[in-house]
Amino acid sequence: MDAVLLAGAVAVLHAAVVLFMLTGALLALRWPRLVLAHAPVALAVLAVNLAGAPCPLTTLELALRERAGAAPYDGGFLGHVLFGPLGLDVRATATQVGMYVVAGGLNAVGYGLLTARALRVRAADPGTVAGSVGPPAARPGRR
């Protein structure tokens, strides 16, 4: 496959990861088991950002672009795709704070609502396992 197409596929995957990291906790309100995928993804994205390490997906995309002879971009994926077109510098303190506030806020709301739901369910039926499907009588071990 052509390196430019692979670079494009990596960029689409990267956008999907960012979108999932932002919305996964909220989507888990509808599909609770999604937390099993979202939590590790969100923690990995957070770890890379807090460590100041280069994103592996950006590194891969740029390597594929270089191999194809396409011009690389500066400022990382979000800087290139989102903030650059908006005229914002991804390295600016205000932009960084904004990114963390949006990402942290969406995840805090999602996980806060998930936790509140789990606590309500547990208070209503102490024998309930969080994330169980079906009414209490339909679950094994319940009469």
Protein backbone atom coordinates (compact mmCIF):
# COMPACT_ATOMS: atom_id res chain seq x y z
CA MET A 1 0.00 0.00 0.00
CA ASP A 2 1.18 3.50 -0.76
CA ALA A 3 2.83 5.32 2.18
CA VAL A 4 0.62 8.38 1.67
CA LEU A 5 -2.51 6.25 2.03
CA LEU A 6 -1.07 4.59 5.13
CA ALA A 7 -0.24 8.01 6.58
CA GLY A 8 -3.82 9.07 5.91
CA ALA A 9 -5.13 5.92 7.57
CA VAL A 10 -2.97 6.61 10.62
CA ALA A 11 -4.32 10.19 10.71
CA VAL A 12 -7.91 8.89 10.63
CA LEU A 13 -7.07 6.38 13.39
CA HIS A 14 -5.46 9.21 15.37
CA ALA A 15 -8.57 11.36 15.04
CA ALA A 16 -10.71 8.40 16.16
CA VAL A 17 -8.49 7.86 19.22
CA VAL A 18 -8.71 11.55 20.17
CA LEU A 19 -12.48 11.57 19.70
CA PHE A 20 -12.85 8.35 21.70
CA MET A 21 -10.63 9.72 24.47
CA LEU A 22 -12.85 12.81 24.67
CA THR A 23 -16.25 11.11 24.44
CA GLY A 24 -15.70 7.54 25.64
CA ALA A 25 -16.77 8.17 29.24
CA LEU A 26 -19.98 9.81 28.02
CA LEU A 27 -20.62 6.98 25.55
CA ALA A 28 -20.15 4.55 28.44
CA LEU A 29 -23.28 6.00 29.99
CA ARG A 30 -25.15 4.21 27.20
CA TRP A 31 -22.76 1.26 26.82
CA PRO A 32 -21.15 0.69 30.26
CA ARG A 33 -18.70 -1.97 29.11
CA LEU A 34 -17.08 0.62 26.87
CA VAL A 35 -15.22 1.75 30.00
CA LEU A 36 -13.04 -1.35 29.60
CA ALA A 37 -11.68 0.12 26.35
CA HIS A 38 -11.92 3.80 27.21
CA ALA A 39 -10.08 3.88 30.52
CA PRO A 40 -6.81 2.41 29.13
CA VAL A 41 -6.96 4.63 26.04
CA ALA A 42 -7.60 7.78 28.09
CA LEU A 43 -4.85 6.90 30.57
CA ALA A 44 -2.36 6.21 27.75
CA VAL A 45 -3.16 9.53 26.05
CA LEU A 46 -2.86 11.33 29.38
CA ALA A 47 0.47 9.62 30.17
CA VAL A 48 1.97 10.56 26.79
CA ASN A 49 0.84 14.16 27.20
CA LEU A 50 1.97 14.56 30.79
CA ALA A 51 5.33 12.97 30.02
CA GLY A 52 5.82 15.36 27.12
CA ALA A 53 6.65 12.34 24.97
CA PRO A 54 5.99 12.34 21.24
CA CYS A 55 2.73 10.66 20.34
CA PRO A 56 3.42 7.28 18.71
CA LEU A 57 0.65 7.82 16.16
CA THR A 58 2.06 11.21 15.14
CA THR A 59 5.54 9.72 14.89
CA LEU A 60 4.24 6.91 12.68
CA GLU A 61 2.23 9.26 10.48
CA LEU A 62 5.18 11.62 9.99
CA ALA A 63 7.50 8.72 9.15
CA LEU A 64 5.03 7.47 6.54
CA ARG A 65 4.63 10.97 5.11
CA GLU A 66 8.41 11.32 4.87
CA ARG A 67 8.71 7.91 3.20
CA ALA A 68 6.15 9.03 0.64
CA GLY A 69 7.99 12.32 0.03
CA ALA A 70 5.21 14.42 1.56
CA ALA A 71 6.07 17.43 3.67
CA PRO A 72 6.05 16.83 7.43
CA TYR A 73 4.14 19.13 9.72
CA ASP A 74 5.11 20.77 12.99
CA GLY A 75 3.14 21.08 16.21
CA GLY A 76 1.83 17.54 16.48
CA PHE A 77 -1.43 16.12 15.24
CA LEU A 78 -3.78 18.43 17.13
CA GLY A 79 -1.67 21.44 16.26
CA HIS A 80 -1.78 20.52 12.58
CA VAL A 81 -5.38 19.35 12.30
CA LEU A 82 -7.27 21.41 14.86
CA PHE A 83 -5.42 24.33 16.40
CA GLY A 84 -3.36 25.48 13.40
CA PRO A 85 -6.41 26.04 11.17
CA LEU A 86 -8.03 27.96 14.05
CA GLY A 87 -4.95 30.18 14.32
CA LEU A 88 -4.01 28.85 17.77
CA ASP A 89 -0.54 27.81 18.85
CA VAL A 90 -0.76 24.31 20.32
CA ARG A 91 2.28 25.07 22.50
CA ALA A 92 0.74 28.18 24.07
CA THR A 93 -0.13 27.83 27.74
CA ALA A 94 -3.74 28.89 27.19
CA THR A 95 -4.20 26.28 24.46
CA GLN A 96 -2.65 23.57 26.63
CA VAL A 97 -4.83 24.51 29.60
CA GLY A 98 -7.88 24.55 27.33
CA MET A 99 -7.08 21.06 26.04
CA TYR A 100 -6.75 19.65 29.54
CA VAL A 101 -9.89 21.43 30.77
CA VAL A 102 -12.00 20.11 27.88
CA ALA A 103 -10.61 16.56 28.03
CA GLY A 104 -10.59 16.41 31.82
CA GLY A 105 -14.02 18.01 32.08
CA LEU A 106 -15.71 15.63 29.65
CA ASN A 107 -14.12 12.62 31.33
CA ALA A 108 -14.90 13.90 34.83
CA VAL A 109 -18.56 14.38 33.90
CA GLY A 110 -18.78 10.95 32.25
CA TYR A 111 -17.02 9.04 35.01
CA GLY A 112 -18.81 11.06 37.69
CA LEU A 113 -22.19 10.13 36.22
CA LEU A 114 -21.10 6.49 35.86
CA THR A 115 -19.99 6.43 39.49
CA ALA A 116 -23.22 8.07 40.68
CA ARG A 117 -25.24 5.52 38.72
CA ALA A 118 -23.26 2.62 40.17
CA LEU A 119 -23.73 3.99 43.70
CA ARG A 120 -27.49 4.41 43.14
CA VAL A 121 -27.81 0.86 41.80
CA ARG A 122 -25.77 -0.52 44.67
CA ALA A 123 -27.83 1.38 47.25
CA ALA A 124 -31.06 0.14 45.68
CA ASP A 125 -29.88 -3.48 45.50
CA PRO A 126 -26.67 -4.27 47.44
CA GLY A 127 -26.37 -7.63 45.64
CA THR A 128 -26.09 -5.97 42.25
CA VAL A 129 -22.80 -6.07 40.41
CA ALA A 130 -22.08 -2.78 38.60
CA GLY A 131 -22.56 -3.22 34.87
CA SER A 132 -24.91 -6.22 35.25
CA VAL A 133 -27.44 -6.67 32.54
CA GLY A 134 -31.06 -7.47 33.16
CA PRO A 135 -33.31 -7.29 36.20
CA PRO A 136 -32.02 -8.74 39.50
CA ALA A 137 -34.13 -11.91 39.16
CA ALA A 138 -32.52 -12.68 35.78
CA ARG A 139 -28.97 -12.65 37.13
CA PRO A 140 -27.35 -15.86 38.36
CA GLY A 141 -27.42 -16.40 42.12
CA ARG A 142 -30.51 -14.19 42.63
CA ARG A 143 -33.94 -15.55 43.55
